[in-house]
Structures are given as C-alpha cells and as structure tokens.
N, C-alpha and C. Protein backbone atom coordinates (compact mmCIF):
# COMPACT_ATOMS: atom_id res chain seq x y z
N UNK A 1 98.50 87.73 122.39
CA UNK A 1 97.42 87.89 121.50
C UNK A 1 97.90 88.56 120.53
N UNK A 2 97.23 88.36 119.54
CA UNK A 2 98.09 88.96 118.48
C UNK A 2 97.20 90.47 118.44
N UNK A 3 97.52 91.55 117.59
CA UNK A 3 97.11 92.47 117.41
C UNK A 3 95.54 92.41 116.23
N UNK A 4 94.78 93.21 116.66
CA UNK A 4 93.73 93.57 115.84
C UNK A 4 93.96 94.18 114.20
N UNK A 5 92.88 94.22 113.30
CA UNK A 5 93.02 94.82 112.34
C UNK A 5 92.32 96.00 112.14
N UNK A 6 92.79 96.68 112.14
CA UNK A 6 91.63 98.12 111.36
C UNK A 6 91.13 98.19 109.79
N UNK A 7 89.79 98.02 109.59
CA UNK A 7 89.73 97.67 108.23
C UNK A 7 88.75 98.94 107.80
N UNK A 8 89.20 99.59 106.97
CA UNK A 8 88.68 100.89 106.15
C UNK A 8 87.50 100.51 104.78
N UNK A 9 86.65 100.78 105.50
CA UNK A 9 85.22 100.90 104.33
C UNK A 9 84.77 101.71 103.69
N UNK A 10 85.21 101.74 102.67
CA UNK A 10 84.91 103.21 101.82
C UNK A 10 83.19 102.77 100.54
N UNK A 11 82.89 103.95 99.96
CA UNK A 11 81.85 104.01 99.22
C UNK A 11 81.07 105.08 98.95
N UNK A 12 80.13 104.77 97.61
CA UNK A 12 79.45 105.90 97.27
C UNK A 12 77.89 105.92 98.09
N UNK A 13 77.08 107.08 98.69
CA UNK A 13 75.67 106.98 99.02
C UNK A 13 74.94 106.08 98.54
N UNK A 14 74.58 104.90 99.13
CA UNK A 14 73.42 104.04 99.02
C UNK A 14 74.18 102.40 98.03
N UNK A 15 75.71 102.31 98.22
CA UNK A 15 75.72 101.57 98.27
C UNK A 15 76.12 100.37 99.74
N UNK A 16 75.43 100.90 100.22
CA UNK A 16 75.13 99.88 101.86
C UNK A 16 77.01 99.08 102.34
N UNK A 17 77.15 100.02 102.39
CA UNK A 17 77.95 99.97 103.23
C UNK A 17 78.22 99.75 104.53
N UNK A 18 77.83 100.30 105.11
CA UNK A 18 77.14 100.11 106.80
C UNK A 18 76.00 99.28 107.18
N UNK A 19 75.10 98.62 106.02
CA UNK A 19 74.65 97.40 106.31
C UNK A 19 75.86 96.24 105.93
N UNK A 20 76.53 95.85 105.01
CA UNK A 20 77.65 95.51 105.06
C UNK A 20 78.09 94.87 106.47
N UNK A 21 78.65 96.50 106.92
CA UNK A 21 79.48 96.34 108.32
C UNK A 21 78.80 95.34 109.46
N UNK A 22 77.74 96.32 109.64
CA UNK A 22 76.32 95.53 110.54
C UNK A 22 76.29 94.48 110.32
N UNK A 23 76.38 93.54 109.47
CA UNK A 23 75.93 92.43 109.00
C UNK A 23 77.11 91.73 109.57
N UNK A 24 78.28 91.94 109.51
CA UNK A 24 79.22 90.95 109.70
C UNK A 24 79.46 91.61 111.47
N UNK A 25 79.77 92.75 112.28
CA UNK A 25 79.63 93.17 113.33
C UNK A 25 78.58 91.94 114.07
N UNK A 26 77.73 91.85 113.39
CA UNK A 26 76.38 91.26 114.19
C UNK A 26 77.18 89.22 114.22
N UNK A 27 77.72 89.26 113.46
CA UNK A 27 78.44 87.25 112.91
C UNK A 27 79.45 87.73 114.15
N UNK A 28 80.00 88.63 114.00
CA UNK A 28 81.53 88.75 115.03
C UNK A 28 81.79 89.37 116.26
N UNK A 29 80.20 89.46 117.08
CA UNK A 29 80.14 89.99 117.47
C UNK A 29 81.34 90.55 118.33
N UNK A 30 82.22 90.35 120.05
CA UNK A 30 83.21 90.71 120.60
C UNK A 30 84.09 90.94 120.09
N UNK A 31 84.37 90.69 118.87
CA UNK A 31 85.59 90.00 118.20
C UNK A 31 85.92 91.52 116.98
N UNK A 32 84.81 92.15 116.75
CA UNK A 32 84.84 93.08 116.17
C UNK A 32 83.88 94.52 117.27
N UNK A 33 84.46 95.48 116.12
CA UNK A 33 83.83 96.81 116.78
C UNK A 33 83.80 97.86 115.55
N UNK A 34 83.05 98.69 115.69
CA UNK A 34 82.99 99.80 114.30
C UNK A 34 83.16 101.05 115.07
N UNK A 35 84.23 102.19 115.17
CA UNK A 35 85.19 103.13 115.17
C UNK A 35 83.36 104.03 115.23
N UNK A 36 83.93 104.86 116.05
CA UNK A 36 82.72 105.70 116.83
C UNK A 36 83.55 107.61 116.47
N UNK A 37 82.92 108.45 115.36
CA UNK A 37 83.29 109.34 115.51
C UNK A 37 83.29 110.38 116.50
N UNK A 38 84.43 111.54 116.15
CA UNK A 38 83.25 112.42 117.24
C UNK A 38 83.15 113.67 116.76
N UNK A 39 82.34 114.44 117.34
CA UNK A 39 81.45 115.55 116.50
C UNK A 39 81.52 116.57 117.74
N UNK A 40 80.97 118.47 117.20
CA UNK A 40 80.87 118.45 118.06
C UNK A 40 79.42 119.38 118.05
N UNK A 41 78.82 118.67 117.16
CA UNK A 41 77.08 119.00 116.91
C UNK A 41 76.59 119.00 118.57
N UNK A 42 75.59 119.21 118.77
CA UNK A 42 74.62 118.34 120.20
C UNK A 42 73.95 116.97 120.11
N UNK A 43 74.32 116.56 120.85
CA UNK A 43 73.21 115.44 121.13
C UNK A 43 72.11 114.84 120.91
N UNK A 44 71.37 114.66 119.89
CA UNK A 44 70.25 114.16 119.76
C UNK A 44 69.45 113.49 120.35
N UNK A 45 67.84 113.50 120.75
CA UNK A 45 67.38 112.74 121.18
C UNK A 45 67.21 111.38 120.73
N UNK A 46 67.09 110.58 122.14
CA UNK A 46 67.32 109.16 122.07
C UNK A 46 69.24 108.37 121.74
N UNK A 47 70.30 109.45 121.11
CA UNK A 47 71.47 109.07 121.18
C UNK A 47 72.04 108.91 122.52
N UNK A 48 73.53 108.28 122.21
CA UNK A 48 74.10 107.67 123.82
C UNK A 48 75.89 108.67 123.26
N UNK A 49 76.46 108.67 124.44
CA UNK A 49 77.70 109.15 124.04
C UNK A 49 78.35 108.07 124.14
N UNK A 50 79.50 107.66 123.05
CA UNK A 50 80.57 107.02 122.60
C UNK A 50 80.11 105.75 122.38
N UNK A 51 78.47 106.20 121.44
CA UNK A 51 78.15 105.30 120.71
C UNK A 51 77.20 105.34 119.57
N UNK A 52 76.92 106.85 119.70
CA UNK A 52 76.21 107.73 117.84
C UNK A 52 77.37 108.10 117.93
N UNK A 53 78.42 108.98 118.79
CA UNK A 53 79.46 109.87 118.62
C UNK A 53 80.12 109.90 119.93
N UNK A 54 81.49 110.56 120.24
CA UNK A 54 81.70 110.56 121.15
C UNK A 54 81.57 112.58 120.77
N UNK A 55 80.48 113.36 121.85
CA UNK A 55 80.29 114.89 121.86
C UNK A 55 81.64 115.53 122.95
N UNK A 56 82.15 116.63 121.37
CA UNK A 56 82.95 117.58 122.76
C UNK A 56 82.66 118.48 121.85
N UNK A 57 83.57 120.17 122.31
CA UNK A 57 83.19 121.08 122.37
C UNK A 57 84.13 121.14 121.45
N UNK A 58 83.78 122.99 120.28
CA UNK A 58 84.59 122.68 119.11
C UNK A 58 85.69 123.55 119.85
N UNK A 59 86.13 123.45 121.14
CA UNK A 59 87.88 123.94 121.70
C UNK A 59 88.56 122.89 122.07
N UNK A 60 87.47 121.73 122.42
CA UNK A 60 88.07 120.75 122.27
C UNK A 60 88.73 119.64 121.24
N UNK A 61 87.46 119.55 120.60
CA UNK A 61 87.79 119.54 119.02
C UNK A 61 88.84 119.75 117.92
N UNK A 62 89.81 121.17 118.51
CA UNK A 62 90.53 121.45 118.00
C UNK A 62 92.49 121.50 118.13
N UNK A 63 91.90 121.57 119.46
CA UNK A 63 92.62 120.92 120.41
C UNK A 63 93.39 119.65 120.02
N UNK A 64 92.16 118.34 119.95
CA UNK A 64 92.57 117.08 119.64
C UNK A 64 93.25 117.87 118.12
N UNK A 65 92.81 117.62 117.28
CA UNK A 65 93.40 118.08 116.09
C UNK A 65 95.21 118.72 116.24
N UNK A 66 94.94 119.39 117.06
CA UNK A 66 96.68 119.95 116.97
C UNK A 66 97.60 118.91 118.00
N UNK A 67 96.73 118.25 118.56
CA UNK A 67 97.51 117.69 119.41
C UNK A 67 97.93 115.66 118.29
N UNK A 68 97.42 115.94 117.44
CA UNK A 68 97.81 114.73 116.50
C UNK A 68 96.55 113.52 117.05
N UNK A 69 95.67 113.96 117.92
CA UNK A 69 94.29 113.26 117.95
C UNK A 69 93.37 112.54 117.31
N UNK A 70 93.44 113.41 116.30
CA UNK A 70 92.55 112.66 114.84
C UNK A 70 93.31 111.64 114.11
N UNK A 71 92.48 110.79 113.77
CA UNK A 71 92.87 109.65 112.37
C UNK A 71 92.47 110.62 111.22
N UNK A 72 91.62 111.29 110.90
CA UNK A 72 90.73 112.83 109.62
C UNK A 72 90.24 113.27 110.60
N UNK A 73 89.75 114.57 110.06
CA UNK A 73 88.45 115.04 110.63
C UNK A 73 87.83 116.47 108.91
N UNK A 74 86.41 116.18 109.11
CA UNK A 74 85.96 117.00 108.17
C UNK A 74 84.90 118.68 108.77
N UNK A 75 84.51 119.34 108.32
CA UNK A 75 84.06 120.35 109.09
C UNK A 75 82.28 120.21 107.87
N UNK A 76 81.21 120.72 108.08
CA UNK A 76 80.63 120.43 107.89
C UNK A 76 79.05 121.50 108.31
N UNK A 77 79.45 122.56 108.21
CA UNK A 77 78.87 124.28 108.43
C UNK A 77 79.87 124.35 109.10
N UNK A 78 78.85 124.73 110.55
CA UNK A 78 80.06 125.12 111.77
C UNK A 78 80.08 123.87 113.10
N UNK A 79 79.87 122.36 112.36
CA UNK A 79 80.17 121.35 112.87
C UNK A 79 81.52 121.05 112.73
N UNK A 80 82.58 120.08 113.45
CA UNK A 80 83.26 119.48 113.02
C UNK A 80 83.15 117.94 113.49
N UNK A 81 83.78 116.77 112.43
CA UNK A 81 83.16 115.28 112.49
C UNK A 81 84.59 114.77 112.23
N UNK A 82 85.12 113.83 112.88
CA UNK A 82 86.12 113.27 112.78
C UNK A 82 86.27 111.91 113.51
N UNK A 83 87.77 111.12 113.31
CA UNK A 83 87.72 109.89 113.96
C UNK A 83 88.77 110.24 115.35
N UNK A 84 88.66 110.02 116.33
CA UNK A 84 89.88 110.27 116.72
C UNK A 84 90.52 109.01 117.33
N UNK A 85 92.05 108.74 117.26
CA UNK A 85 93.27 107.74 117.76
C UNK A 85 93.26 106.90 118.73
N UNK A 86 92.35 107.40 119.52
CA UNK A 86 92.76 106.88 121.09
C UNK A 86 92.19 105.71 121.12
N UNK A 87 90.63 105.48 120.65
CA UNK A 87 89.88 104.41 121.29
C UNK A 87 90.51 103.30 119.89
N UNK A 88 90.43 103.64 119.30
CA UNK A 88 90.87 102.96 117.82
C UNK A 88 91.96 101.92 118.34
N UNK A 89 92.54 102.60 118.94
CA UNK A 89 94.05 101.68 118.96
C UNK A 89 93.60 100.89 120.21
N UNK A 90 93.52 101.22 121.09
CA UNK A 90 92.74 100.45 122.00
C UNK A 90 92.36 99.11 122.15
N UNK A 91 91.64 99.50 120.65
CA UNK A 91 90.37 98.17 120.17
C UNK A 91 91.31 97.15 119.71
N UNK A 92 92.51 97.69 118.77
CA UNK A 92 93.05 97.43 118.15
C UNK A 92 93.93 96.25 118.89
N UNK A 93 94.74 97.00 120.46
CA UNK A 93 95.64 96.45 121.17
C UNK A 93 94.95 95.01 121.97
N UNK A 94 93.50 95.38 122.21
CA UNK A 94 92.83 94.11 122.26
C UNK A 94 92.57 93.11 121.92
N UNK A 95 93.43 92.90 120.17
CA UNK A 95 93.02 92.66 119.29
C UNK A 95 91.84 92.09 118.84
N UNK A 96 91.25 93.40 118.28
CA UNK A 96 89.42 93.78 117.44
C UNK A 96 89.99 93.58 116.19
N UNK A 97 88.72 93.15 115.22
CA UNK A 97 88.60 94.11 113.89
C UNK A 97 88.12 95.57 114.23
N UNK A 98 88.85 96.54 113.72
CA UNK A 98 87.72 97.48 113.91
C UNK A 98 87.59 98.31 113.09
N UNK A 99 86.20 98.29 112.43
CA UNK A 99 85.69 98.76 111.47
C UNK A 99 86.44 100.41 111.54
N UNK A 100 86.06 101.28 110.22
CA UNK A 100 86.29 102.23 109.97
C UNK A 100 85.36 102.67 108.67
N UNK A 101 84.29 103.18 109.06
CA UNK A 101 83.31 103.68 107.90
C UNK A 101 83.81 105.40 107.53
N UNK A 102 84.00 105.33 106.49
CA UNK A 102 84.90 106.11 105.76
C UNK A 102 84.74 106.48 104.87
N UNK A 103 84.77 108.44 104.45
CA UNK A 103 84.84 109.02 102.56
C UNK A 103 86.15 108.34 102.48
N UNK A 104 85.96 108.64 100.64
CA UNK A 104 87.42 108.52 100.43
C UNK A 104 88.50 109.14 100.68
N UNK A 105 88.20 110.35 100.91
CA UNK A 105 89.30 111.60 101.58
C UNK A 105 89.90 111.67 102.93
N UNK A 106 89.22 110.81 103.21
CA UNK A 106 90.04 110.39 104.60
C UNK A 106 90.52 109.56 104.83
N UNK A 107 90.53 108.72 103.62
CA UNK A 107 91.78 107.40 103.61
C UNK A 107 93.24 106.78 103.74
N UNK A 108 93.15 108.01 102.75
CA UNK A 108 94.87 108.35 102.42
C UNK A 108 95.29 108.83 103.97
N UNK A 109 94.73 109.72 105.11
CA UNK A 109 95.15 109.80 106.04
C UNK A 109 95.03 109.05 107.01
N UNK A 110 94.54 107.88 106.84
CA UNK A 110 94.38 106.32 107.88
C UNK A 110 95.70 105.41 107.63
N UNK A 111 96.23 105.93 105.80
CA UNK A 111 96.69 104.66 106.01
C UNK A 111 98.02 105.08 106.33
N UNK A 112 97.87 106.80 106.57
CA UNK A 112 99.44 107.14 107.02
C UNK A 112 99.68 106.91 108.36
N UNK A 113 99.32 106.48 109.15
CA UNK A 113 99.02 106.42 110.10
C UNK A 113 98.86 104.81 111.10
N UNK A 114 98.43 104.44 110.22
CA UNK A 114 97.88 103.13 110.41
C UNK A 114 98.44 102.08 109.24
N UNK A 115 99.82 102.04 108.52
CA UNK A 115 99.87 101.53 106.67
C UNK A 115 99.42 100.43 107.26
N UNK A 116 99.45 99.27 107.96
CA UNK A 116 98.66 98.20 107.57
C UNK A 116 97.12 97.99 107.72
N UNK A 117 96.54 98.75 107.69
CA UNK A 117 95.48 98.88 107.79
C UNK A 117 94.53 98.26 105.94
N UNK A 118 93.30 97.83 106.31
CA UNK A 118 93.04 97.27 105.26
C UNK A 118 92.15 98.30 104.33
N UNK A 119 92.01 98.13 103.01
CA UNK A 119 90.74 99.41 102.60
C UNK A 119 89.94 98.79 101.26
N UNK A 120 88.80 98.66 101.76
CA UNK A 120 88.12 97.93 101.33
C UNK A 120 87.27 99.35 100.24
N UNK A 121 86.49 99.12 99.11
CA UNK A 121 85.75 99.66 98.41
C UNK A 121 84.68 98.86 97.83
N UNK A 122 83.84 99.41 98.28
CA UNK A 122 82.08 98.79 98.24
C UNK A 122 81.46 100.05 96.79
N UNK A 123 81.68 98.54 95.53
CA UNK A 123 80.95 99.49 94.61
C UNK A 123 79.41 99.12 93.96
N UNK A 124 78.51 99.28 93.78
CA UNK A 124 77.46 98.71 92.79
C UNK A 124 77.28 98.36 91.45
N UNK A 125 76.70 97.29 91.35
CA UNK A 125 76.64 96.77 90.30
C UNK A 125 76.66 97.35 88.60
N UNK A 126 75.81 98.53 88.68
CA UNK A 126 76.30 99.61 88.56
C UNK A 126 75.64 100.68 88.57
N UNK A 127 75.90 102.15 87.49
CA UNK A 127 74.86 102.90 88.02
C UNK A 127 73.65 103.13 88.62
N UNK A 128 72.95 102.58 87.44
CA UNK A 128 71.16 102.51 87.08
C UNK A 128 70.86 101.57 88.59
N UNK A 129 71.94 100.79 89.27
CA UNK A 129 71.30 99.99 89.55
C UNK A 129 71.38 100.87 91.19
N UNK A 130 72.63 101.55 91.02
CA UNK A 130 73.09 102.62 92.59
C UNK A 130 71.92 103.70 92.30
N UNK A 131 71.76 104.20 91.11
CA UNK A 131 70.84 105.18 90.97
C UNK A 131 68.86 105.29 91.46
N UNK A 132 68.87 103.68 91.44
CA UNK A 132 67.79 102.98 91.65
C UNK A 132 67.27 102.87 93.43
N UNK A 133 68.58 102.57 94.04
CA UNK A 133 68.49 102.59 95.37
C UNK A 133 68.54 103.69 96.30
N UNK A 134 68.97 104.56 95.04
CA UNK A 134 68.86 105.84 95.92
C UNK A 134 67.24 106.36 95.35
N UNK A 135 66.88 106.38 94.88
CA UNK A 135 65.54 106.51 94.50
C UNK A 135 64.63 105.55 95.41
N UNK A 136 65.00 105.18 96.05
CA UNK A 136 63.85 103.91 96.63
C UNK A 136 64.09 104.09 98.06
N UNK A 137 65.08 104.78 98.77
CA UNK A 137 65.18 105.60 99.98
C UNK A 137 63.71 106.13 100.23
N UNK A 138 63.51 107.82 98.83
CA UNK A 138 62.46 108.34 99.29
C UNK A 138 63.36 109.09 99.92
N UNK A 139 64.03 109.64 100.17
CA UNK A 139 64.62 110.73 101.04
C UNK A 139 64.79 111.94 100.52
N UNK A 140 64.79 111.66 99.49
CA UNK A 140 66.09 112.79 98.25
C UNK A 140 65.19 113.21 97.32
N UNK A 141 64.99 114.26 96.87
CA UNK A 141 64.91 115.04 95.82
C UNK A 141 65.27 114.68 94.39
N UNK A 142 65.03 114.42 92.98
CA UNK A 142 65.91 114.20 92.17
C UNK A 142 67.26 115.27 91.64
N UNK A 143 67.13 116.11 92.39
CA UNK A 143 68.61 117.51 92.43
C UNK A 143 69.19 116.34 93.00
N UNK A 144 68.96 116.29 94.25
CA UNK A 144 69.80 115.92 95.64
C UNK A 144 70.46 114.39 94.64
N UNK A 145 69.29 113.95 94.30
CA UNK A 145 70.02 111.77 93.71
C UNK A 145 71.02 112.45 92.46
N UNK A 146 70.34 112.88 91.73
CA UNK A 146 71.50 113.39 90.71
C UNK A 146 73.03 114.01 91.47
N UNK A 147 73.41 114.39 92.44
CA UNK A 147 74.04 115.88 92.99
C UNK A 147 75.28 113.92 93.86
N UNK A 148 74.63 113.26 94.32
CA UNK A 148 74.95 111.50 95.12
C UNK A 148 75.36 111.44 93.86
N UNK A 149 74.76 110.74 92.92
CA UNK A 149 74.99 110.20 91.19
C UNK A 149 76.57 110.22 90.84
N UNK A 150 76.87 112.02 90.81
CA UNK A 150 77.70 113.16 90.48
C UNK A 150 79.25 112.82 91.68
N UNK A 151 78.79 112.81 92.28
CA UNK A 151 79.99 112.80 93.72
C UNK A 151 80.27 111.18 93.61
N UNK A 152 79.22 110.00 93.41
CA UNK A 152 79.86 108.85 93.25
C UNK A 152 80.68 108.31 91.86
N UNK A 153 80.38 108.81 91.21
CA UNK A 153 81.40 108.73 89.61
C UNK A 153 82.91 108.97 89.95
N UNK A 154 82.82 110.48 90.65
CA UNK A 154 83.90 110.89 91.56
C UNK A 154 84.69 109.84 92.46
N UNK A 155 83.88 109.28 93.34
CA UNK A 155 84.55 108.52 93.97
C UNK A 155 84.91 107.10 93.91
N UNK A 156 84.37 106.90 93.11
CA UNK A 156 84.60 105.12 92.09
C UNK A 156 85.79 105.55 91.42
N UNK A 157 85.92 106.06 90.48
CA UNK A 157 87.78 106.29 89.52
C UNK A 157 88.71 105.84 91.22
N UNK A 158 88.26 106.99 92.67
CA UNK A 158 89.29 106.58 93.29
C UNK A 158 89.23 104.93 94.02
N UNK A 159 88.31 104.21 93.92
CA UNK A 159 88.29 102.81 94.62
C UNK A 159 89.72 102.12 94.35
N UNK A 160 90.96 102.12 92.96
CA UNK A 160 91.84 101.51 92.34
C UNK A 160 93.11 102.22 93.71
N UNK A 161 93.15 102.83 94.52
CA UNK A 161 93.68 103.05 95.73
C UNK A 161 93.11 102.75 97.07
N UNK A 162 92.51 101.71 96.66
CA UNK A 162 92.25 100.59 98.09
C UNK A 162 92.74 99.26 97.83
N UNK A 163 92.72 98.32 98.66
CA UNK A 163 93.59 96.82 98.51
C UNK A 163 92.47 95.96 98.03
N UNK A 164 91.56 96.27 98.40
CA UNK A 164 90.00 95.36 97.75
C UNK A 164 88.84 96.10 97.83
N UNK A 165 88.14 95.57 96.21
CA UNK A 165 87.05 96.56 95.63
C UNK A 165 85.97 94.73 95.40
N UNK A 166 85.05 95.27 96.62
CA UNK A 166 84.24 94.50 96.59
C UNK A 166 82.46 94.96 95.87
N UNK A 167 81.64 94.21 94.96
CA UNK A 167 80.65 94.62 94.17
C UNK A 167 79.14 93.97 95.82
N UNK A 168 78.71 95.09 95.70
CA UNK A 168 77.47 94.62 96.32
C UNK A 168 76.47 94.51 95.53
N UNK A 169 76.31 93.54 94.87
CA UNK A 169 74.29 92.71 94.39
C UNK A 169 73.75 92.59 95.04
N UNK A 170 74.32 91.42 95.33
CA UNK A 170 73.89 90.34 96.30
C UNK A 170 73.97 90.66 97.89
N UNK A 171 73.64 91.26 99.13
CA UNK A 171 73.81 91.91 100.24
C UNK A 171 75.24 90.57 101.08
N UNK A 172 74.40 89.28 100.78
CA UNK A 172 74.88 88.47 101.66
C UNK A 172 76.18 87.71 100.67
N UNK A 173 76.38 87.63 99.53
CA UNK A 173 77.61 87.99 99.01
C UNK A 173 78.53 88.78 99.62
N UNK A 174 78.33 90.34 99.38
CA UNK A 174 79.32 90.92 99.43
C UNK A 174 79.66 90.28 100.94
N UNK A 175 78.55 90.53 101.92
CA UNK A 175 79.43 90.34 103.78
C UNK A 175 79.92 88.90 103.61
N UNK A 176 79.71 87.74 102.80
CA UNK A 176 80.84 87.23 102.22
C UNK A 176 82.43 87.81 102.17
N UNK A 177 82.35 88.27 101.38
CA UNK A 177 83.52 89.05 100.58
C UNK A 177 84.46 89.38 101.60
N UNK A 178 83.62 90.42 102.05
CA UNK A 178 84.50 90.83 103.14
C UNK A 178 84.85 90.06 104.24
N UNK A 179 84.23 89.68 104.62
CA UNK A 179 84.42 88.36 105.95
C UNK A 179 85.53 87.35 105.27
N UNK A 180 86.25 87.05 104.05
CA UNK A 180 86.92 86.42 103.47
C UNK A 180 88.04 87.21 103.46
N UNK A 181 87.62 88.49 103.45
CA UNK A 181 89.10 89.20 102.75
C UNK A 181 89.60 89.48 104.46
N UNK A 182 89.15 89.92 105.27
CA UNK A 182 89.27 89.98 107.06
C UNK A 182 89.79 88.62 107.35
N UNK A 183 89.36 87.21 107.34
CA UNK A 183 89.94 86.33 107.64
C UNK A 183 91.41 86.21 106.57
N UNK A 184 91.82 86.44 105.10
CA UNK A 184 92.87 86.27 104.79
C UNK A 184 94.06 87.37 105.66
N UNK A 185 93.60 88.37 106.13
CA UNK A 185 94.17 89.76 106.06
C UNK A 185 94.80 88.73 107.65
N UNK A 186 93.96 88.60 108.66
CA UNK A 186 94.16 87.79 109.34
C UNK A 186 95.91 87.02 110.13
N UNK A 187 95.85 85.94 108.93
CA UNK A 187 96.90 85.14 108.46
C UNK A 187 98.41 86.34 107.96
N UNK A 188 98.02 87.57 107.79
CA UNK A 188 99.47 87.95 107.52
C UNK A 188 100.70 87.78 108.35
N UNK A 189 101.81 87.27 108.29
CA UNK A 189 102.85 87.83 108.78
C UNK A 189 102.91 88.37 109.51
N UNK A 190 102.66 89.65 109.25
CA UNK A 190 102.79 90.78 110.34
C UNK A 190 100.90 91.45 111.26
N UNK A 191 100.88 90.26 111.00
CA UNK A 191 99.97 90.08 112.08
C UNK A 191 99.83 89.02 112.92
N UNK A 192 100.23 87.86 112.26
CA UNK A 192 100.37 86.55 113.08
C UNK A 192 102.09 86.30 113.90
N UNK A 193 102.41 87.36 113.51
CA UNK A 193 103.93 87.56 113.97
C UNK A 193 104.17 86.92 115.98
N UNK A 194 103.08 87.05 116.84
CA UNK A 194 102.83 86.98 117.71
C UNK A 194 102.52 85.18 118.57
N UNK A 195 102.10 84.80 117.20
CA UNK A 195 101.82 83.48 117.16
C UNK A 195 103.15 82.55 116.88
N UNK A 196 103.81 83.03 115.67
CA UNK A 196 104.79 82.76 115.37
C UNK A 196 105.90 82.38 116.62
N UNK A 197 106.41 83.98 116.90
CA UNK A 197 107.35 83.51 118.24
C UNK A 197 107.16 82.43 119.24
N UNK A 198 105.51 82.67 119.25
CA UNK A 198 105.38 81.01 120.66
C UNK A 198 105.74 80.24 120.23
N UNK A 199 105.93 79.54 118.91
CA UNK A 199 105.65 78.34 118.15
C UNK A 199 106.84 78.18 118.01
N UNK A 200 107.87 79.54 118.06
CA UNK A 200 109.50 79.04 117.73
C UNK A 200 109.71 79.07 119.09
N UNK A 201 109.76 79.41 120.38
CA UNK A 201 110.19 79.86 121.15
C UNK A 201 110.00 78.18 121.76
N UNK A 202 108.72 77.17 121.93
CA UNK A 202 108.27 75.80 122.09
C UNK A 202 108.98 75.31 121.76
N UNK A 203 109.64 75.52 119.99
CA UNK A 203 110.07 74.64 119.15
C UNK A 203 111.62 73.82 120.46
C-alpha cells in the first residue's frame, strides 16, 4: 500500500476552505479524512468525541505539548486548540488523503514534522467579493467584518509560502483544482515508491 498524503488547506475567513474540503471528502469517501482538532473546552450539545473535537483537560493538553504530540496549537481565552499528531499519522499509514484545515501560523510547524505535506492556499477572486461573502453570512457586524478583512490582507501576503494557490470563484472549479493537485501529488516518486519497488521486484 502506498502511503497517504497530508493536505494542508489555509485561507482567510470567508474563502470557503471548509466547503471545498467537505465536497472533496464527500466524493472520496473512505479514501479521505479530515483531521480532528483537540480542545480543552467543554463539549457542546450535539457534538461528538472524535468527530467535532478530541476533548481533553488542560493538564492533558499541556502534557501532549511537552511530549511533542501536537502538530500545532494555539490558545483562545482560557482554552487550547490544536492538532494531535497520532491520528494524522495513523490515517496516513492507512494510505488515506488527510486534510488539515489550519490557520497560516500553524502551516510552518506542520511542514517541519511532515516535509512531504502538500500546502494549498485558497484565495478569493477579489477583496470586494470576500467582503460581500462575509456580509452575506449575516453573522458579523461591520466592525468585525473590517477586522476579518484586515486579517485576510495579512494572510494573503503569506500565500507565497504555499505549494499551490487555488482561487475560489466558482466552488466546483475550486474543488476540481484541489482534486487535480491531489491526483498529481499522489503520482510523485516519494509517494509511488512502494508501487515502483513492486514493479521492479516482478521484472
């Protein structure tokens, strides 16, 4: 079995990264998996352990950090959020395509631990379109939207640190672009080396 690939997806808020990943995972079925984050906050009604988050105590989270068991992590208020390494490695060993939807800051750490990961940055067609999308949500006031747009400008400047940039103008086009990247990455020599050895062995 060829090893799986880790796909890091980043984008400013409102660019549709979650929607793109959900569409692809829906199509790929058991061949794909979305990395589940770990948190110290309380489980909310309707959430499930191992589906929405892995729920742990603050002490356990800090112990995981000390033991090098977190790919990346951050703190919001009194709660910690992060990506545990174990489940990601397990899925990759199973040969799955693992999606990690992550903020720009965490991308560097992931690359250090998984040098072969594929980093994709999703951008909007324009800041005007992004602004309209954020307003269309109806969840933020004008001040919050202005803050999100300012953060977006900063994040967009770091898109050059990624392997690929995908524009999300038409959702299905963006989905197809990401799928094409994954297909190409699966054919790289470091991914296909197991298959290559099998072919040589049978020659």
